[in-house]
Amino acid sequence: VLFRSEGNVGVRQIHAIDMDRTARIVAIAGGDDAIHIVDRDKAVRLATHRGHSGPARRVILRADGRKLASAGDDGAVRLWSVPNPEDASPFSEFHEHNVTAAAFSADGALFATGDYLGSIAIWDAPTGKRIMKLGSHYLQRKLDSEPLEIGTGKPLAKGTPLRHQTGFSASAGNNNPIVKLLITEGHGGEVKGLAFTPDKSALVSVGAKTLFVWNLKSGR
């Protein structure tokens, strides 16, 4: 049972949902590309957050219910104050594809995101600043002469051993689609789950066939 009292909050085609630790405040990513904050006890909508250009596929409420993270098909991650929809900190300029996993640390200080290509970023939650990337993923687009590392833009050094390589169709609608993904360290595809250890010393990431435990001091 989603709501504890009768009411209609007008949210359809739910893509993702999360609750705070009291199970009273609910964040819902709807088919209208918005995130709706709902009070389950009263079955009323407290706020509507808009900012993604496409569906949000992940919503994560911080344990105290005061912060909400959303990750979308547009490759953007946003951190919102609850219930204020005007206060959003965009986490951008890293992910090159759909964001498929996200997680707060237990104290809400760190935030992790992972995407369809396998790349992972660690963010300082209060400021939205990226403080670390995990793994090493290189993209080559149709108009690029060589693969460039996600997050740094550095070219792939010749002779570097590869862990995984994937080809993509160049028939995408944009004028510079991805044609190749090369991985020297990390997941070879979609990140399906993320979790911090309680002391924030490590991050566990899960892919379709792989699991990594990352040391957050060394980034390896």
N, C-alpha and C. Protein backbone atom coordinates (compact mmCIF):
# COMPACT_ATOMS: atom_id res chain seq x y z
N VAL A 1 0.85 -1.18 0.00
CA VAL A 1 0.00 0.00 0.00
C VAL A 1 0.89 1.23 0.00
N LEU A 2 0.78 2.06 -1.02
CA LEU A 2 1.62 3.24 -1.11
C LEU A 2 1.16 4.35 -0.19
N PHE A 3 -0.16 4.61 -0.17
CA PHE A 3 -0.68 5.70 0.64
C PHE A 3 -1.49 5.17 1.82
N ARG A 4 -1.38 5.86 2.96
CA ARG A 4 -2.06 5.44 4.17
C ARG A 4 -3.44 6.05 4.32
N SER A 5 -3.78 6.99 3.46
CA SER A 5 -5.11 7.59 3.47
C SER A 5 -5.57 7.79 2.04
N GLU A 6 -6.84 8.00 1.86
CA GLU A 6 -7.38 8.14 0.51
C GLU A 6 -6.93 9.46 -0.10
N GLY A 7 -6.71 9.43 -1.40
CA GLY A 7 -6.30 10.64 -2.08
C GLY A 7 -5.70 10.30 -3.43
N ASN A 8 -5.58 11.31 -4.28
CA ASN A 8 -5.02 11.13 -5.61
C ASN A 8 -3.98 12.22 -5.83
N VAL A 9 -2.71 11.83 -5.92
CA VAL A 9 -1.66 12.82 -6.09
C VAL A 9 -1.32 13.04 -7.57
N GLY A 10 -2.02 12.34 -8.46
CA GLY A 10 -1.89 12.61 -9.88
C GLY A 10 -0.58 12.19 -10.51
N VAL A 11 0.06 11.15 -10.01
CA VAL A 11 1.32 10.68 -10.58
C VAL A 11 1.05 9.40 -11.35
N ARG A 12 1.45 9.39 -12.61
CA ARG A 12 1.24 8.22 -13.44
C ARG A 12 2.55 7.72 -14.03
N GLN A 13 2.54 6.47 -14.46
CA GLN A 13 3.72 5.85 -15.10
C GLN A 13 4.96 6.07 -14.25
N ILE A 14 5.00 5.43 -13.10
CA ILE A 14 6.10 5.59 -12.16
C ILE A 14 7.36 4.87 -12.66
N HIS A 15 8.47 5.62 -12.75
CA HIS A 15 9.75 5.05 -13.18
C HIS A 15 10.62 4.64 -12.00
N ALA A 16 10.52 5.36 -10.87
CA ALA A 16 11.36 5.06 -9.71
C ALA A 16 10.70 5.63 -8.47
N ILE A 17 11.04 5.06 -7.31
CA ILE A 17 10.42 5.50 -6.06
C ILE A 17 11.38 5.24 -4.90
N ASP A 18 11.35 6.11 -3.90
CA ASP A 18 12.12 5.90 -2.69
C ASP A 18 11.42 6.59 -1.53
N MET A 19 11.70 6.13 -0.30
CA MET A 19 11.10 6.70 0.90
C MET A 19 12.17 7.10 1.89
N ASP A 20 11.83 8.03 2.78
CA ASP A 20 12.75 8.36 3.87
C ASP A 20 12.65 7.26 4.93
N ARG A 21 13.45 7.37 6.00
CA ARG A 21 13.51 6.28 6.98
C ARG A 21 12.23 6.14 7.79
N THR A 22 11.38 7.16 7.78
CA THR A 22 10.10 7.05 8.49
C THR A 22 9.03 6.43 7.60
N ALA A 23 9.32 6.28 6.31
CA ALA A 23 8.38 5.75 5.31
C ALA A 23 7.18 6.67 5.13
N ARG A 24 7.29 7.92 5.55
CA ARG A 24 6.19 8.86 5.35
C ARG A 24 6.41 9.72 4.10
N ILE A 25 7.62 10.24 3.89
CA ILE A 25 7.91 11.08 2.74
C ILE A 25 8.39 10.19 1.59
N VAL A 26 7.75 10.35 0.44
CA VAL A 26 8.04 9.51 -0.72
C VAL A 26 8.45 10.38 -1.90
N ALA A 27 9.48 9.96 -2.60
CA ALA A 27 9.88 10.60 -3.85
C ALA A 27 9.51 9.68 -5.00
N ILE A 28 8.81 10.22 -6.00
CA ILE A 28 8.34 9.43 -7.13
C ILE A 28 8.79 10.09 -8.42
N ALA A 29 9.47 9.34 -9.29
CA ALA A 29 9.80 9.82 -10.62
C ALA A 29 8.69 9.38 -11.56
N GLY A 30 7.98 10.36 -12.12
CA GLY A 30 6.81 10.06 -12.92
C GLY A 30 7.06 10.10 -14.42
N GLY A 31 6.03 9.72 -15.16
CA GLY A 31 6.11 9.71 -16.61
C GLY A 31 6.13 11.09 -17.23
N ASP A 32 5.92 12.12 -16.43
CA ASP A 32 5.95 13.50 -16.92
C ASP A 32 7.35 14.12 -16.81
N ASP A 33 8.36 13.29 -16.56
CA ASP A 33 9.77 13.71 -16.43
C ASP A 33 10.02 14.56 -15.18
N ALA A 34 9.10 14.54 -14.23
CA ALA A 34 9.24 15.29 -12.98
C ALA A 34 9.38 14.34 -11.81
N ILE A 35 9.89 14.87 -10.70
CA ILE A 35 9.97 14.12 -9.45
C ILE A 35 8.99 14.74 -8.47
N HIS A 36 8.12 13.93 -7.91
CA HIS A 36 7.06 14.40 -7.03
C HIS A 36 7.36 13.96 -5.59
N ILE A 37 7.27 14.90 -4.66
CA ILE A 37 7.45 14.61 -3.24
C ILE A 37 6.08 14.51 -2.61
N VAL A 38 5.82 13.37 -1.97
CA VAL A 38 4.47 13.06 -1.48
C VAL A 38 4.50 12.70 0.00
N ASP A 39 3.49 13.17 0.73
CA ASP A 39 3.27 12.77 2.12
C ASP A 39 2.33 11.58 2.11
N ARG A 40 2.83 10.40 2.49
CA ARG A 40 2.01 9.20 2.45
C ARG A 40 0.84 9.25 3.43
N ASP A 41 1.04 9.85 4.60
CA ASP A 41 -0.02 9.87 5.61
C ASP A 41 -1.23 10.66 5.13
N LYS A 42 -0.98 11.77 4.44
CA LYS A 42 -2.07 12.64 3.99
C LYS A 42 -2.42 12.46 2.52
N ALA A 43 -1.60 11.66 1.81
CA ALA A 43 -1.80 11.44 0.37
C ALA A 43 -1.88 12.77 -0.38
N VAL A 44 -0.95 13.67 -0.07
CA VAL A 44 -0.88 14.96 -0.75
C VAL A 44 0.52 15.16 -1.32
N ARG A 45 0.59 15.90 -2.40
CA ARG A 45 1.88 16.22 -3.01
C ARG A 45 2.45 17.47 -2.36
N LEU A 46 3.69 17.36 -1.87
CA LEU A 46 4.33 18.49 -1.19
C LEU A 46 5.07 19.39 -2.16
N ALA A 47 5.63 18.81 -3.22
CA ALA A 47 6.40 19.60 -4.18
C ALA A 47 6.60 18.80 -5.45
N THR A 48 6.87 19.50 -6.54
CA THR A 48 7.22 18.87 -7.81
C THR A 48 8.54 19.46 -8.29
N HIS A 49 9.49 18.59 -8.57
CA HIS A 49 10.83 19.00 -9.00
C HIS A 49 10.99 18.71 -10.49
N ARG A 50 11.37 19.72 -11.25
CA ARG A 50 11.60 19.55 -12.68
C ARG A 50 13.00 20.02 -13.03
N GLY A 51 13.65 19.31 -13.92
CA GLY A 51 15.00 19.68 -14.31
C GLY A 51 15.62 18.73 -15.31
N HIS A 52 15.12 17.48 -15.35
CA HIS A 52 15.65 16.50 -16.30
C HIS A 52 14.98 16.66 -17.67
N SER A 53 15.77 16.49 -18.71
CA SER A 53 15.21 16.49 -20.07
C SER A 53 14.99 15.04 -20.49
N GLY A 54 14.00 14.42 -19.89
CA GLY A 54 13.69 13.01 -20.08
C GLY A 54 13.39 12.37 -18.75
N PRO A 55 13.05 11.09 -18.73
CA PRO A 55 12.67 10.42 -17.48
C PRO A 55 13.81 10.35 -16.47
N ALA A 56 13.47 10.46 -15.20
CA ALA A 56 14.41 10.16 -14.11
C ALA A 56 14.23 8.68 -13.78
N ARG A 57 15.31 7.93 -13.84
CA ARG A 57 15.24 6.48 -13.63
C ARG A 57 15.62 6.06 -12.22
N ARG A 58 16.24 6.97 -11.46
CA ARG A 58 16.62 6.67 -10.08
C ARG A 58 16.30 7.89 -9.21
N VAL A 59 15.69 7.64 -8.08
CA VAL A 59 15.51 8.68 -7.06
C VAL A 59 15.96 8.10 -5.72
N ILE A 60 16.76 8.88 -4.98
CA ILE A 60 17.28 8.43 -3.70
C ILE A 60 17.05 9.54 -2.68
N LEU A 61 16.32 9.24 -1.62
CA LEU A 61 16.14 10.17 -0.52
C LEU A 61 17.23 9.93 0.52
N ARG A 62 17.86 11.00 0.99
CA ARG A 62 18.80 10.85 2.10
C ARG A 62 18.03 10.35 3.31
N ALA A 63 18.70 9.67 4.22
CA ALA A 63 18.02 9.03 5.35
C ALA A 63 17.14 9.99 6.14
N ASP A 64 17.59 11.27 6.28
CA ASP A 64 16.80 12.22 7.05
C ASP A 64 15.69 12.87 6.22
N GLY A 65 15.60 12.52 4.94
CA GLY A 65 14.53 13.03 4.10
C GLY A 65 14.68 14.47 3.67
N ARG A 66 15.82 15.10 3.93
CA ARG A 66 15.99 16.52 3.61
C ARG A 66 16.67 16.74 2.27
N LYS A 67 17.25 15.73 1.70
CA LYS A 67 17.87 15.84 0.39
C LYS A 67 17.38 14.71 -0.52
N LEU A 68 17.24 15.03 -1.79
CA LEU A 68 16.80 14.07 -2.79
C LEU A 68 17.76 14.11 -3.96
N ALA A 69 18.23 12.95 -4.38
CA ALA A 69 19.06 12.85 -5.57
C ALA A 69 18.25 12.18 -6.66
N SER A 70 18.36 12.70 -7.88
CA SER A 70 17.67 12.09 -9.02
C SER A 70 18.66 11.91 -10.16
N ALA A 71 18.52 10.82 -10.90
CA ALA A 71 19.41 10.51 -12.01
C ALA A 71 18.55 10.13 -13.21
N GLY A 72 18.90 10.70 -14.37
CA GLY A 72 18.02 10.53 -15.51
C GLY A 72 18.65 9.98 -16.76
N ASP A 73 17.80 9.73 -17.75
CA ASP A 73 18.25 9.27 -19.05
C ASP A 73 19.07 10.33 -19.78
N ASP A 74 18.99 11.59 -19.31
CA ASP A 74 19.75 12.66 -19.94
C ASP A 74 21.21 12.67 -19.48
N GLY A 75 21.59 11.72 -18.61
CA GLY A 75 22.96 11.65 -18.13
C GLY A 75 23.25 12.62 -17.00
N ALA A 76 22.23 13.32 -16.53
CA ALA A 76 22.42 14.31 -15.47
C ALA A 76 22.00 13.74 -14.12
N VAL A 77 22.66 14.22 -13.08
CA VAL A 77 22.31 13.89 -11.71
C VAL A 77 22.04 15.20 -10.99
N ARG A 78 20.95 15.26 -10.22
CA ARG A 78 20.61 16.49 -9.51
C ARG A 78 20.35 16.19 -8.04
N LEU A 79 20.76 17.11 -7.20
CA LEU A 79 20.53 17.00 -5.76
C LEU A 79 19.62 18.14 -5.35
N TRP A 80 18.49 17.80 -4.74
CA TRP A 80 17.45 18.77 -4.42
C TRP A 80 17.28 18.87 -2.90
N SER A 81 16.87 20.06 -2.46
CA SER A 81 16.42 20.20 -1.08
C SER A 81 14.95 19.80 -1.02
N VAL A 82 14.56 19.13 0.03
CA VAL A 82 13.16 18.69 0.18
C VAL A 82 12.51 19.53 1.26
N PRO A 83 11.31 20.13 0.99
CA PRO A 83 10.55 19.97 -0.26
C PRO A 83 10.76 21.09 -1.26
N ASN A 84 11.78 21.94 -1.11
CA ASN A 84 11.94 23.12 -1.95
C ASN A 84 12.42 22.76 -3.36
N PRO A 85 11.57 22.88 -4.39
CA PRO A 85 11.96 22.50 -5.75
C PRO A 85 12.82 23.54 -6.45
N GLU A 86 13.01 24.72 -5.82
CA GLU A 86 13.80 25.77 -6.45
C GLU A 86 15.29 25.60 -6.16
N ASP A 87 15.63 24.78 -5.19
CA ASP A 87 17.02 24.63 -4.76
C ASP A 87 17.58 23.31 -5.26
N ALA A 88 18.21 23.34 -6.44
CA ALA A 88 18.75 22.11 -7.03
C ALA A 88 20.22 22.31 -7.38
N SER A 89 21.03 21.34 -7.01
CA SER A 89 22.45 21.38 -7.35
C SER A 89 22.70 20.34 -8.44
N PRO A 90 22.97 20.78 -9.69
CA PRO A 90 23.20 19.81 -10.76
C PRO A 90 24.60 19.22 -10.70
N PHE A 91 24.68 17.90 -10.78
CA PHE A 91 25.96 17.20 -10.85
C PHE A 91 26.13 16.84 -12.33
N SER A 92 26.99 17.54 -13.04
CA SER A 92 27.04 17.35 -14.49
C SER A 92 28.48 17.27 -14.97
N GLU A 93 28.61 17.25 -16.30
CA GLU A 93 29.89 17.25 -16.97
C GLU A 93 30.75 16.03 -16.62
N PHE A 94 30.09 14.89 -16.44
CA PHE A 94 30.83 13.64 -16.26
C PHE A 94 30.19 12.51 -17.06
N HIS A 95 28.97 12.15 -16.72
CA HIS A 95 28.35 10.98 -17.35
C HIS A 95 28.02 11.25 -18.82
N GLU A 96 28.35 10.26 -19.65
CA GLU A 96 28.15 10.37 -21.09
C GLU A 96 26.94 9.55 -21.57
N HIS A 97 26.24 8.92 -20.61
CA HIS A 97 25.09 8.07 -20.98
C HIS A 97 24.12 8.05 -19.80
N ASN A 98 23.05 7.28 -19.93
CA ASN A 98 22.04 7.19 -18.87
C ASN A 98 22.66 6.85 -17.53
N VAL A 99 22.27 7.56 -16.48
CA VAL A 99 22.69 7.23 -15.13
C VAL A 99 21.79 6.12 -14.61
N THR A 100 22.38 4.99 -14.22
CA THR A 100 21.60 3.80 -13.89
C THR A 100 21.65 3.40 -12.42
N ALA A 101 22.52 4.03 -11.63
CA ALA A 101 22.63 3.69 -10.21
C ALA A 101 23.11 4.91 -9.43
N ALA A 102 22.67 5.00 -8.17
CA ALA A 102 23.06 6.13 -7.32
C ALA A 102 22.92 5.71 -5.86
N ALA A 103 23.73 6.33 -4.99
CA ALA A 103 23.66 6.00 -3.56
C ALA A 103 24.30 7.11 -2.74
N PHE A 104 23.69 7.41 -1.58
CA PHE A 104 24.29 8.27 -0.56
C PHE A 104 25.13 7.43 0.39
N SER A 105 26.14 8.05 0.98
CA SER A 105 26.79 7.44 2.14
C SER A 105 25.84 7.56 3.32
N ALA A 106 26.11 6.80 4.39
CA ALA A 106 25.19 6.77 5.54
C ALA A 106 24.99 8.14 6.17
N ASP A 107 26.04 8.97 6.17
CA ASP A 107 25.92 10.30 6.77
C ASP A 107 25.48 11.37 5.77
N GLY A 108 25.25 10.98 4.52
CA GLY A 108 24.79 11.92 3.51
C GLY A 108 25.87 12.84 2.97
N ALA A 109 27.13 12.63 3.35
CA ALA A 109 28.20 13.53 2.92
C ALA A 109 28.70 13.22 1.51
N LEU A 110 28.65 11.96 1.12
CA LEU A 110 29.11 11.55 -0.20
C LEU A 110 27.95 10.98 -1.01
N PHE A 111 28.10 11.08 -2.31
CA PHE A 111 27.08 10.58 -3.22
C PHE A 111 27.79 9.91 -4.38
N ALA A 112 27.34 8.73 -4.76
CA ALA A 112 27.96 7.98 -5.87
C ALA A 112 26.96 7.79 -6.99
N THR A 113 27.45 7.87 -8.23
CA THR A 113 26.60 7.64 -9.39
C THR A 113 27.32 6.72 -10.38
N GLY A 114 26.56 5.88 -11.05
CA GLY A 114 27.11 4.99 -12.07
C GLY A 114 26.22 5.02 -13.30
N ASP A 115 26.79 4.74 -14.47
CA ASP A 115 25.99 4.87 -15.68
C ASP A 115 25.99 3.61 -16.54
N TYR A 116 25.33 3.71 -17.67
CA TYR A 116 25.13 2.59 -18.59
C TYR A 116 26.45 2.10 -19.18
N LEU A 117 27.43 2.98 -19.26
CA LEU A 117 28.72 2.61 -19.84
C LEU A 117 29.66 1.97 -18.83
N GLY A 118 29.30 2.05 -17.53
CA GLY A 118 30.13 1.45 -16.49
C GLY A 118 30.95 2.44 -15.69
N SER A 119 30.92 3.71 -16.06
CA SER A 119 31.73 4.70 -15.33
C SER A 119 31.04 5.11 -14.03
N ILE A 120 31.84 5.41 -13.02
CA ILE A 120 31.35 5.73 -11.67
C ILE A 120 32.01 7.02 -11.19
N ALA A 121 31.23 7.87 -10.55
CA ALA A 121 31.76 9.11 -9.98
C ALA A 121 31.37 9.21 -8.51
N ILE A 122 32.25 9.81 -7.71
CA ILE A 122 31.98 10.12 -6.31
C ILE A 122 31.90 11.63 -6.18
N TRP A 123 30.85 12.11 -5.53
CA TRP A 123 30.59 13.54 -5.41
C TRP A 123 30.54 13.96 -3.94
N ASP A 124 30.93 15.19 -3.68
CA ASP A 124 30.70 15.80 -2.38
C ASP A 124 29.26 16.29 -2.38
N ALA A 125 28.40 15.66 -1.58
CA ALA A 125 26.97 15.93 -1.66
C ALA A 125 26.61 17.38 -1.33
N PRO A 126 27.18 18.03 -0.32
CA PRO A 126 26.79 19.41 -0.03
C PRO A 126 27.12 20.41 -1.13
N THR A 127 28.21 20.18 -1.87
CA THR A 127 28.64 21.15 -2.88
C THR A 127 28.36 20.72 -4.31
N GLY A 128 28.16 19.43 -4.55
CA GLY A 128 27.98 18.93 -5.90
C GLY A 128 29.27 18.82 -6.68
N LYS A 129 30.42 18.91 -6.02
CA LYS A 129 31.71 18.83 -6.68
C LYS A 129 32.14 17.37 -6.82
N ARG A 130 32.57 16.99 -8.02
CA ARG A 130 33.09 15.64 -8.21
C ARG A 130 34.46 15.54 -7.59
N ILE A 131 34.64 14.56 -6.71
CA ILE A 131 35.92 14.42 -6.02
C ILE A 131 36.70 13.19 -6.47
N MET A 132 36.06 12.30 -7.23
CA MET A 132 36.76 11.09 -7.64
C MET A 132 35.99 10.40 -8.76
N LYS A 133 36.72 9.80 -9.68
CA LYS A 133 36.11 8.87 -10.64
C LYS A 133 36.72 7.50 -10.38
N LEU A 134 35.93 6.46 -10.61
CA LEU A 134 36.38 5.10 -10.36
C LEU A 134 36.42 4.34 -11.68
N GLY A 135 37.50 3.64 -11.90
CA GLY A 135 37.68 2.94 -13.16
C GLY A 135 38.25 3.87 -14.20
N SER A 136 38.47 3.32 -15.38
CA SER A 136 39.02 4.10 -16.49
C SER A 136 38.32 3.68 -17.77
N HIS A 137 37.45 4.57 -18.27
CA HIS A 137 36.62 4.28 -19.43
C HIS A 137 36.90 5.31 -20.53
N TYR A 138 37.10 4.82 -21.73
CA TYR A 138 37.43 5.69 -22.87
C TYR A 138 36.33 5.58 -23.93
N LEU A 139 35.89 6.73 -24.44
CA LEU A 139 34.89 6.77 -25.49
C LEU A 139 35.51 7.30 -26.77
N GLN A 140 35.13 6.67 -27.88
CA GLN A 140 35.45 7.25 -29.17
C GLN A 140 34.14 7.53 -29.89
N ARG A 141 33.95 8.79 -30.26
CA ARG A 141 32.75 9.18 -31.00
C ARG A 141 33.06 9.22 -32.50
N LYS A 142 32.01 9.31 -33.28
CA LYS A 142 32.13 9.21 -34.73
C LYS A 142 33.09 10.24 -35.30
N LEU A 143 33.09 11.45 -34.74
CA LEU A 143 33.93 12.52 -35.28
C LEU A 143 35.28 12.64 -34.56
N ASP A 144 35.53 11.77 -33.58
CA ASP A 144 36.79 11.80 -32.84
C ASP A 144 37.85 10.95 -33.54
N SER A 145 39.08 11.40 -33.50
CA SER A 145 40.17 10.65 -34.12
C SER A 145 40.72 9.55 -33.22
N GLU A 146 40.46 9.66 -31.89
CA GLU A 146 40.97 8.67 -30.94
C GLU A 146 40.07 8.62 -29.71
N PRO A 147 40.14 7.52 -28.95
CA PRO A 147 39.32 7.41 -27.73
C PRO A 147 39.82 8.38 -26.66
N LEU A 148 38.87 8.98 -25.92
CA LEU A 148 39.19 9.92 -24.85
C LEU A 148 38.58 9.43 -23.54
N GLU A 149 39.30 9.59 -22.44
CA GLU A 149 38.84 9.08 -21.15
C GLU A 149 37.68 9.91 -20.62
N ILE A 150 36.63 9.24 -20.14
CA ILE A 150 35.50 9.91 -19.52
C ILE A 150 35.97 10.58 -18.23
N GLY A 151 35.67 11.84 -18.10
CA GLY A 151 36.01 12.57 -16.88
C GLY A 151 37.28 13.38 -16.96
N THR A 152 38.22 12.97 -17.83
CA THR A 152 39.49 13.71 -17.95
C THR A 152 39.76 14.20 -19.36
N GLY A 153 39.21 13.51 -20.36
CA GLY A 153 39.46 13.88 -21.74
C GLY A 153 40.82 13.44 -22.27
N LYS A 154 41.56 12.65 -21.48
CA LYS A 154 42.89 12.21 -21.89
C LYS A 154 42.77 11.10 -22.94
N PRO A 155 43.63 11.11 -23.96
CA PRO A 155 43.61 10.04 -24.97
C PRO A 155 44.14 8.73 -24.40
N LEU A 156 43.69 7.64 -24.98
CA LEU A 156 44.17 6.31 -24.58
C LEU A 156 45.59 6.10 -25.09
N ALA A 157 46.50 5.83 -24.17
CA ALA A 157 47.90 5.62 -24.55
C ALA A 157 48.04 4.33 -25.35
N LYS A 158 48.84 4.38 -26.38
CA LYS A 158 49.06 3.20 -27.21
C LYS A 158 49.69 2.08 -26.38
N GLY A 159 49.19 0.87 -26.60
CA GLY A 159 49.72 -0.29 -25.90
C GLY A 159 49.09 -0.55 -24.54
N THR A 160 48.14 0.32 -24.12
CA THR A 160 47.47 0.12 -22.84
C THR A 160 46.62 -1.15 -22.90
N PRO A 161 46.77 -2.09 -21.97
CA PRO A 161 45.94 -3.31 -22.00
C PRO A 161 44.49 -3.00 -21.70
N LEU A 162 43.58 -3.62 -22.43
CA LEU A 162 42.15 -3.39 -22.28
C LEU A 162 41.49 -4.51 -21.50
N ARG A 163 40.56 -4.14 -20.64
CA ARG A 163 39.76 -5.12 -19.91
C ARG A 163 38.53 -5.50 -20.71
N HIS A 164 38.00 -4.51 -21.46
CA HIS A 164 36.76 -4.75 -22.19
C HIS A 164 36.67 -3.75 -23.33
N GLN A 165 36.00 -4.16 -24.42
CA GLN A 165 35.79 -3.25 -25.55
C GLN A 165 34.42 -3.53 -26.14
N THR A 166 33.68 -2.46 -26.44
CA THR A 166 32.33 -2.59 -26.99
C THR A 166 32.18 -1.63 -28.17
N GLY A 167 31.55 -2.10 -29.24
CA GLY A 167 31.26 -1.25 -30.38
C GLY A 167 29.81 -0.80 -30.35
N PHE A 168 29.55 0.40 -30.85
CA PHE A 168 28.20 0.95 -30.90
C PHE A 168 27.86 1.32 -32.33
N SER A 169 26.57 1.29 -32.66
CA SER A 169 26.12 1.72 -33.98
C SER A 169 26.28 3.24 -34.10
N ALA A 170 26.67 3.70 -35.26
CA ALA A 170 26.85 5.14 -35.49
C ALA A 170 25.60 5.78 -36.09
N SER A 171 24.47 5.08 -36.02
CA SER A 171 23.24 5.60 -36.65
C SER A 171 22.36 6.38 -35.68
N ALA A 172 22.92 6.77 -34.51
CA ALA A 172 22.14 7.53 -33.54
C ALA A 172 21.76 8.89 -34.10
N GLY A 173 20.74 9.51 -33.47
CA GLY A 173 20.20 10.76 -33.99
C GLY A 173 21.12 11.95 -33.87
N ASN A 174 22.04 11.97 -32.90
CA ASN A 174 22.92 13.12 -32.77
C ASN A 174 24.05 13.04 -33.80
N ASN A 175 24.74 14.18 -33.99
CA ASN A 175 25.72 14.25 -35.07
C ASN A 175 27.09 13.68 -34.70
N ASN A 176 27.26 13.27 -33.43
CA ASN A 176 28.55 12.69 -33.02
C ASN A 176 28.32 11.54 -32.05
N PRO A 177 27.67 10.48 -32.50
CA PRO A 177 27.32 9.37 -31.59
C PRO A 177 28.54 8.57 -31.17
N ILE A 178 28.37 7.82 -30.08
CA ILE A 178 29.43 6.93 -29.59
C ILE A 178 29.57 5.75 -30.55
N VAL A 179 30.80 5.42 -30.93
CA VAL A 179 31.03 4.26 -31.79
C VAL A 179 31.86 3.18 -31.09
N LYS A 180 32.56 3.57 -30.00
CA LYS A 180 33.41 2.57 -29.34
C LYS A 180 33.59 2.94 -27.86
N LEU A 181 33.55 1.93 -27.00
CA LEU A 181 33.85 2.08 -25.58
C LEU A 181 35.00 1.13 -25.24
N LEU A 182 36.06 1.68 -24.65
CA LEU A 182 37.22 0.88 -24.27
C LEU A 182 37.46 1.05 -22.78
N ILE A 183 37.65 -0.06 -22.07
CA ILE A 183 37.76 -0.02 -20.62
C ILE A 183 39.07 -0.66 -20.20
N THR A 184 39.85 0.07 -19.42
CA THR A 184 41.08 -0.48 -18.88
C THR A 184 40.92 -0.91 -17.43
N GLU A 185 39.92 -0.34 -16.74
CA GLU A 185 39.65 -0.74 -15.36
C GLU A 185 38.19 -0.42 -15.05
N GLY A 186 37.46 -1.39 -14.49
CA GLY A 186 36.08 -1.16 -14.10
C GLY A 186 35.10 -2.04 -14.84
N HIS A 187 33.81 -1.72 -14.69
CA HIS A 187 32.74 -2.51 -15.29
C HIS A 187 32.74 -2.37 -16.81
N GLY A 188 32.36 -3.44 -17.47
CA GLY A 188 32.28 -3.44 -18.92
C GLY A 188 30.91 -3.12 -19.44
N GLY A 189 30.08 -2.46 -18.64
CA GLY A 189 28.73 -2.12 -19.04
C GLY A 189 27.97 -1.51 -17.87
N GLU A 190 26.66 -1.59 -17.92
CA GLU A 190 25.77 -0.90 -16.98
C GLU A 190 26.10 -1.18 -15.51
N VAL A 191 26.18 -0.11 -14.73
CA VAL A 191 26.29 -0.22 -13.28
C VAL A 191 24.88 -0.40 -12.72
N LYS A 192 24.63 -1.51 -12.05
CA LYS A 192 23.28 -1.83 -11.60
C LYS A 192 23.03 -1.49 -10.13
N GLY A 193 24.09 -1.33 -9.34
CA GLY A 193 23.91 -1.01 -7.93
C GLY A 193 25.16 -0.44 -7.32
N LEU A 194 24.99 0.43 -6.31
CA LEU A 194 26.10 1.06 -5.60
C LEU A 194 25.78 1.10 -4.12
N ALA A 195 26.81 0.95 -3.27
CA ALA A 195 26.61 1.05 -1.82
C ALA A 195 27.93 1.41 -1.15
N PHE A 196 27.88 2.41 -0.25
CA PHE A 196 29.05 2.76 0.55
C PHE A 196 29.13 1.86 1.77
N THR A 197 30.34 1.59 2.23
CA THR A 197 30.51 0.97 3.54
C THR A 197 30.20 2.03 4.60
N PRO A 198 29.81 1.62 5.81
CA PRO A 198 29.43 2.61 6.83
C PRO A 198 30.50 3.65 7.14
N ASP A 199 31.78 3.26 7.05
CA ASP A 199 32.85 4.21 7.37
C ASP A 199 33.32 5.00 6.14
N LYS A 200 32.70 4.81 4.99
CA LYS A 200 32.99 5.51 3.74
C LYS A 200 34.40 5.21 3.20
N SER A 201 34.99 4.12 3.65
CA SER A 201 36.31 3.77 3.18
C SER A 201 36.26 3.04 1.83
N ALA A 202 35.09 2.51 1.49
CA ALA A 202 34.98 1.73 0.26
C ALA A 202 33.59 1.90 -0.35
N LEU A 203 33.52 1.63 -1.65
CA LEU A 203 32.26 1.62 -2.38
C LEU A 203 32.14 0.29 -3.10
N VAL A 204 30.98 -0.34 -2.97
CA VAL A 204 30.70 -1.58 -3.69
C VAL A 204 29.88 -1.24 -4.93
N SER A 205 30.30 -1.72 -6.09
CA SER A 205 29.54 -1.51 -7.32
C SER A 205 29.25 -2.86 -7.96
N VAL A 206 28.05 -2.98 -8.52
CA VAL A 206 27.60 -4.24 -9.11
C VAL A 206 27.21 -3.99 -10.56
N GLY A 207 27.73 -4.83 -11.45
CA GLY A 207 27.35 -4.81 -12.85
C GLY A 207 26.56 -6.05 -13.21
N ALA A 208 26.39 -6.29 -14.50
CA ALA A 208 25.62 -7.46 -14.94
C ALA A 208 26.32 -8.76 -14.54
N LYS A 209 27.67 -8.79 -14.63
CA LYS A 209 28.41 -10.01 -14.32
C LYS A 209 29.60 -9.75 -13.41
N THR A 210 29.75 -8.54 -12.92
CA THR A 210 30.93 -8.20 -12.12
C THR A 210 30.55 -7.45 -10.86
N LEU A 211 31.40 -7.59 -9.85
CA LEU A 211 31.25 -6.84 -8.60
C LEU A 211 32.63 -6.32 -8.21
N PHE A 212 32.69 -5.03 -7.88
CA PHE A 212 33.94 -4.42 -7.47
C PHE A 212 33.79 -3.79 -6.09
N VAL A 213 34.85 -3.87 -5.30
CA VAL A 213 34.94 -3.14 -4.04
C VAL A 213 36.07 -2.13 -4.22
N TRP A 214 35.72 -0.85 -4.27
CA TRP A 214 36.67 0.22 -4.56
C TRP A 214 37.18 0.84 -3.26
N ASN A 215 38.50 0.99 -3.15
CA ASN A 215 39.10 1.70 -2.03
C ASN A 215 38.97 3.20 -2.32
N LEU A 216 38.27 3.94 -1.47
CA LEU A 216 38.03 5.35 -1.75
C LEU A 216 39.18 6.26 -1.36
N LYS A 217 40.23 5.69 -0.83
CA LYS A 217 41.44 6.47 -0.60
C LYS A 217 42.34 6.44 -1.83
N SER A 218 42.46 5.28 -2.42
CA SER A 218 43.31 5.13 -3.60
C SER A 218 42.55 5.27 -4.91
N GLY A 219 41.22 5.05 -4.87
CA GLY A 219 40.43 5.09 -6.09
C GLY A 219 40.57 3.84 -6.94
N ARG A 220 41.10 2.76 -6.35
CA ARG A 220 41.32 1.52 -7.10
C ARG A 220 40.52 0.37 -6.46
